[in-house]
Amino acid sequence: MTTPVDVVLIGGGIMSATLGTLLQRLQPDWTITVIERRGVIAEESSNPWNNAGTGHSALCELNYSPEKPDGTIDVSKAIQVNEQFQVSRQLWTSLVEEGVLPEPSAFLNPVPHMTFVWGEKNVDYLRRRYELLKDQPLFRGMEFSDDARVIRQWAPLLIPGRAKSQPIAATRAIAGTDIDFGSLTRLYLDRMVANGARLITDHKVTGLRRKDGLWTVSGRNELGGTRFRIPARFVFVGAGGAAITLLQRSGIREIRGYGGFPISGKFLRTDDPDLVAKHQAKVYGKASVGAPPMSVPHLDTRVVDGSTSLLFGPYAGWTPKFLKFGSWVDFFGSIRWHNLGTMVGAGLKNLDLVVYLAKELFSTRGRQMRALQEFFPNAKRRDWRMITAGQRVQIMKRDAQGKASLQFGTEVVASADGSIAGLLGASPGASTAPSIMLDVLARCFPDRMPAWRAELTRLVPSYGTALSDAEDVAAATLARTAKALGIPG
C-alpha cells in the first residue's frame, strides 16, 4: 500500500496555498500534496483577472454595513471583516520580514479605497456610516466629503460631466490595497515545494472515500486519462465552486442540506494610459435593488504583472458551471434529495435576485456603458473592452430556525472528526484567507493548537484577540504592517 500523505490539499488556489504555508510552519515533518486540475495553479478565482483584487477590509464595501428597516446602520460586519483582513496583513508582514515572501510589490500595491454615492438618501446614509466608523480603531483616518472639488482631487474621473445639482458624497481610506492573489498563490506554493511539498497539476479529483481512518483521494490525469489514488490522513477541499460537489462525494453528514448557486461575472477593462493615470483608487458604490452583494458596482485600479489597468463591474450573469473552466452540468449534478428543498426555498425567497440576473443576462452594451457612466460620466465606449471574470458559487443552506436562505459570505464545512474540511462561498474570500485557515486549524486540529499557539502568535501577533477592542495595540499593529507592506499609515 502507498504510504499515506499527511495532508492533501485539493485545488491550487489561495486557500490551499495559505493553509499549506501555515501547516509547513507548524508541522514541518508532515508530508503535503497539492492537487490542481488545471495545468497551472491559480487559474480560477485566484487569477487576478477573475476577481477585483480588493483587499476586502470593509473600508469601501457598503454591503458590510447594511441599513436596517428601522433606519439604523449595522457596522458590526464591517468591523469583523476589517479584523479578519488585519490577520492577513500580519501574516504577510511576518513572512516579508523573514524573507519568505519577497518585496510586497510582487503581490500587493497601495491603492486608496473609496465609496462614492449620489442622491440625497444615499448621501445621508454614507455620512451616517462614516460617523459610526471614523472613531473605530481599525478605521482611523477615513475621510468624508460631499464637496465635488475635494472628490475630484481624490478621483478625477468621477466629477467632470456630472450635473452640479446632483447630491454626491464619498469616503476615502488611503490605507487600501490592490492584491494580485494569483502572484501570492504562486509565491506560497513555490516556497512550499522548495520545502518538500508535492504539487501535482493536470489531475482532477473525482472521489473521496473514508476507510480505516484514512481518506482515499482518487481521480484521473487530465492529460493521459490514467487513474490515481492517494491515501491521506487529512484533506482540505479548496477547490472554489467545485468544493460543494467534492464534499458531497465525501459522504460527510455535515454537507447535507447545502446547495450552491453559481453566479458569473464580467468587467469592462481599459488599459488607456491617460485614463489609468487619472484614477488611482478602488471606488465602490451601492448595489442595485435585488443585486447580490458581490455585484456591487466598482471602478478599480488593478495592478497585474507590473501593469496598471482600470476595471468596472461586475456585470452579473449565470451559467450552470461551478468553475470558469468547469462543466455545464455542475449545478444540476449538485442537486441531492437532502438539498432540493433548501434550493427551492432559497430560490423562492430570492426572486428579486432571479429578476436581477435575468435583466443582466439580456443587458445591452449601451446599458452596460450607462452603468459605467454613472461613475465616470465622460466614459467612451471605444476605450473599454469586456472581459470574463471567474465563477462564484453562493451558499444555500438552512438557518438556525430551519429556514432556507442564500448566503453571501464564506463558510468552512468540516467533518465531526476533523479529518476533512472545505470552504464554500465567495467574498470576502481571498482577502481573509489567513483568518479562515486559522479557523480550519482550530476546528480540525484542536488537540494540536496548544503546541502551535506560540508559532501562530509569532506569525500573527493579534491571534486570539480583537484589535478593534484595543486601540493602542491596533495602532501599533497597523503601523508595523503598513511599514512592512508599503501601505500608507
Foldseek 3Di string as FASTA:
>chain_A
DDDAAAEEEEALFLLSLLLLLLCCLQPVVGEYEYEAQAPDHCPFCLACQQAQQWLQQLLAQCVCWDQDPVRDTRNPSSQVSNLLLLLVLLLVLLCPVVVLDDALVLWKDFFKAKEKEWDPVQLVVVVNVCVVQCPFLSNPPKDKDQDLVVVCVQFVLQRPPDDPPIGMMMIIDRLIMGTNRSSVSVSSVVSSVVSPYHYHYQWDFDAWEDDPQWIWTKTARNPPGHIDIHIYNAYEYAHALCSLVHVVRHVFPLSFQKAWFKKWWKKKKFQPVVNLVRGRHKYWYADDVLADSSFTWIWDWHADPNGTMIITTTQIEGACASKPPGDSCNRVVSDDPRHPVLVVQACVVRVSNVVSRVCSHPDDPVNVVVVVCNRRVPDDPVRIDMDIHIMWIWMWGADPVRGIHTDADKDKGAHQQLRYIYMHHDPPPSSSSNVVSVVSCCRRPVVCCVVSVVVSCSSRVCPPHGCSVPSVVSVVSCVSSCVSNVGDD
